C-alpha atoms as a PDB file:
ATOM      1  CA  MET A   1     -26.227  22.476 -29.823  1.00  0.00           C
ATOM      2  CA  ASP A   2     -23.434  20.163 -28.657  1.00  0.00           C
ATOM      3  CA  THR A   3     -24.954  16.711 -28.163  1.00  0.00           C
ATOM      4  CA  SER A   4     -21.797  15.041 -26.866  1.00  0.00           C
ATOM      5  CA  TYR A   5     -22.593  15.954 -23.247  1.00  0.00           C
ATOM      6  CA  TYR A   6     -25.312  14.205 -21.296  1.00  0.00           C
ATOM      7  CA  SER A   7     -26.416  14.368 -17.699  1.00  0.00           C
ATOM      8  CA  PHE A   8     -28.179  11.534 -15.949  1.00  0.00           C
ATOM      9  CA  LEU A   9     -29.174  11.328 -12.334  1.00  0.00           C
ATOM     10  CA  TYR A  10     -30.391   8.013 -11.037  1.00  0.00           C
ATOM     11  CA  PHE A  11     -31.019   6.885  -7.495  1.00  0.00           C
ATOM     12  CA  TYR A  12     -30.633   3.255  -6.486  1.00  0.00           C
ATOM     13  CA  LYS A  13     -31.452   1.855  -3.061  1.00  0.00           C
ATOM     14  CA  ILE A  14     -28.786  -0.450  -1.657  1.00  0.00           C
ATOM     15  CA  ASN A  15     -31.276  -2.241   0.569  1.00  0.00           C
ATOM     16  CA  ASP A  16     -33.135  -3.460  -2.539  1.00  0.00           C
ATOM     17  CA  LEU A  17     -31.181  -6.200  -4.369  1.00  0.00           C
ATOM     18  CA  SER A  18     -32.928  -5.531  -7.687  1.00  0.00           C
ATOM     19  CA  SER A  19     -32.143  -1.813  -7.464  1.00  0.00           C
ATOM     20  CA  ARG A  20     -28.501  -2.522  -6.558  1.00  0.00           C
ATOM     21  CA  LYS A  21     -28.026  -4.770  -9.574  1.00  0.00           C
ATOM     22  CA  LYS A  22     -29.631  -2.209 -11.894  1.00  0.00           C
ATOM     23  CA  GLY A  23     -27.385   0.537 -10.545  1.00  0.00           C
ATOM     24  CA  LEU A  24     -24.169  -1.442 -10.971  1.00  0.00           C
ATOM     25  CA  ALA A  25     -25.210  -2.578 -14.447  1.00  0.00           C
ATOM     26  CA  PHE A  26     -25.945   1.039 -15.381  1.00  0.00           C
ATOM     27  CA  VAL A  27     -22.500   2.192 -14.190  1.00  0.00           C
ATOM     28  CA  ASP A  28     -20.828  -0.696 -16.010  1.00  0.00           C
ATOM     29  CA  ASN A  29     -22.682   0.179 -19.222  1.00  0.00           C
ATOM     30  CA  LEU A  30     -21.745   3.858 -18.976  1.00  0.00           C
ATOM     31  CA  VAL A  31     -18.093   3.085 -18.252  1.00  0.00           C
ATOM     32  CA  ASN A  32     -17.921   0.903 -21.349  1.00  0.00           C
ATOM     33  CA  THR A  33     -19.826   3.200 -23.750  1.00  0.00           C
ATOM     34  CA  VAL A  34     -19.050   6.809 -22.793  1.00  0.00           C
ATOM     35  CA  ASP A  35     -16.405   8.807 -24.643  1.00  0.00           C
ATOM     36  CA  HIS A  36     -14.174   9.500 -21.641  1.00  0.00           C
ATOM     37  CA  SER A  37     -12.268  12.242 -23.433  1.00  0.00           C
ATOM     38  CA  VAL A  38     -15.310  14.529 -23.154  1.00  0.00           C
ATOM     39  CA  ASN A  39     -17.601  12.934 -20.543  1.00  0.00           C
ATOM     40  CA  LYS A  40     -17.173  11.795 -16.968  1.00  0.00           C
ATOM     41  CA  VAL A  41     -19.047   9.012 -15.219  1.00  0.00           C
ATOM     42  CA  ILE A  42     -19.677  10.196 -11.666  1.00  0.00           C
ATOM     43  CA  VAL A  43     -20.675   7.675  -9.018  1.00  0.00           C
ATOM     44  CA  LEU A  44     -21.941   9.093  -5.721  1.00  0.00           C
ATOM     45  CA  ALA A  45     -22.769   7.303  -2.503  1.00  0.00           C
ATOM     46  CA  GLY A  46     -25.091   8.886   0.019  1.00  0.00           C
ATOM     47  CA  GLY A  47     -24.707   7.342   3.447  1.00  0.00           C
ATOM     48  CA  GLY A  48     -22.229   6.492   6.129  1.00  0.00           C
ATOM     49  CA  ASP A  49     -18.993   4.546   6.208  1.00  0.00           C
ATOM     50  CA  GLY A  50     -20.746   1.245   5.578  1.00  0.00           C
ATOM     51  CA  THR A  51     -22.507   2.529   2.477  1.00  0.00           C
ATOM     52  CA  VAL A  52     -19.357   4.081   1.038  1.00  0.00           C
ATOM     53  CA  ASN A  53     -17.268   0.967   1.705  1.00  0.00           C
ATOM     54  CA  TRP A  54     -19.997  -1.316   0.399  1.00  0.00           C
ATOM     55  CA  LEU A  55     -20.244   0.619  -2.877  1.00  0.00           C
ATOM     56  CA  LEU A  56     -16.473   0.661  -3.354  1.00  0.00           C
ATOM     57  CA  GLU A  57     -16.356  -3.113  -2.789  1.00  0.00           C
ATOM     58  CA  GLU A  58     -19.211  -3.679  -5.252  1.00  0.00           C
ATOM     59  CA  LEU A  59     -17.502  -1.534  -7.900  1.00  0.00           C
ATOM     60  CA  LEU A  60     -14.274  -3.511  -7.407  1.00  0.00           C
ATOM     61  CA  GLU A  61     -16.119  -6.837  -7.579  1.00  0.00           C
ATOM     62  CA  ALA A  62     -17.855  -5.724 -10.789  1.00  0.00           C
ATOM     63  CA  LYS A  63     -14.390  -4.861 -12.167  1.00  0.00           C
ATOM     64  CA  ILE A  64     -15.361  -1.249 -12.835  1.00  0.00           C
ATOM     65  CA  ASP A  65     -12.307   0.641 -14.099  1.00  0.00           C
ATOM     66  CA  PHE A  66     -11.686   3.333 -11.460  1.00  0.00           C
ATOM     67  CA  ASN A  67      -9.689   5.306 -14.030  1.00  0.00           C
ATOM     68  CA  LYS A  68     -12.950   5.858 -15.889  1.00  0.00           C
ATOM     69  CA  ILE A  69     -15.134   7.070 -13.019  1.00  0.00           C
ATOM     70  CA  VAL A  70     -15.168   9.899 -10.522  1.00  0.00           C
ATOM     71  CA  PHE A  71     -16.243   8.638  -7.101  1.00  0.00           C
ATOM     72  CA  GLY A  72     -17.732  10.834  -4.422  1.00  0.00           C
ATOM     73  CA  ALA A  73     -19.724  10.509  -1.244  1.00  0.00           C
ATOM     74  CA  PHE A  74     -22.365  12.500   0.574  1.00  0.00           C
ATOM     75  CA  PRO A  75     -21.482  11.840   4.232  1.00  0.00           C
ATOM     76  CA  LEU A  76     -24.935  11.175   5.665  1.00  0.00           C
ATOM     77  CA  GLY A  77     -24.042   8.641   8.354  1.00  0.00           C
ATOM     78  CA  THR A  78     -23.684   9.159  12.077  1.00  0.00           C
ATOM     79  CA  GLY A  79     -19.909   8.734  12.444  1.00  0.00           C
ATOM     80  CA  ASN A  80     -18.605   9.492   8.953  1.00  0.00           C
ATOM     81  CA  ASP A  81     -15.054   8.423   9.777  1.00  0.00           C
ATOM     82  CA  PHE A  82     -14.377   7.863   6.073  1.00  0.00           C
ATOM     83  CA  ALA A  83     -15.295  11.454   5.198  1.00  0.00           C
ATOM     84  CA  LYS A  84     -13.494  12.902   8.229  1.00  0.00           C
ATOM     85  CA  ASN A  85     -10.266  11.029   7.433  1.00  0.00           C
ATOM     86  CA  LEU A  86     -10.338  12.435   3.907  1.00  0.00           C
ATOM     87  CA  GLY A  87     -10.963  15.956   5.233  1.00  0.00           C
ATOM     88  CA  TRP A  88     -14.485  16.165   3.797  1.00  0.00           C
ATOM     89  CA  ARG A  89     -16.047  17.615   6.961  1.00  0.00           C
END
């Protein structure tokens, strides 16, 4: 069995400051410890434009290396202009 691949799925609520901090710390830890030649750190945002933009800003502020993550969004908002402009309809 190849033990170099792991899958984790965690949900963090952005309206809970403690949860937000835990989520960003978890991403930061993964980015700095994962062997990026065989594993990918995937960060997903579920929400609307505000949620997606907020998460991107938080990742930038935390100095997360965007070359070491794959970012995606589940467009769950009402307008979803971000997703529409990227052709994610």
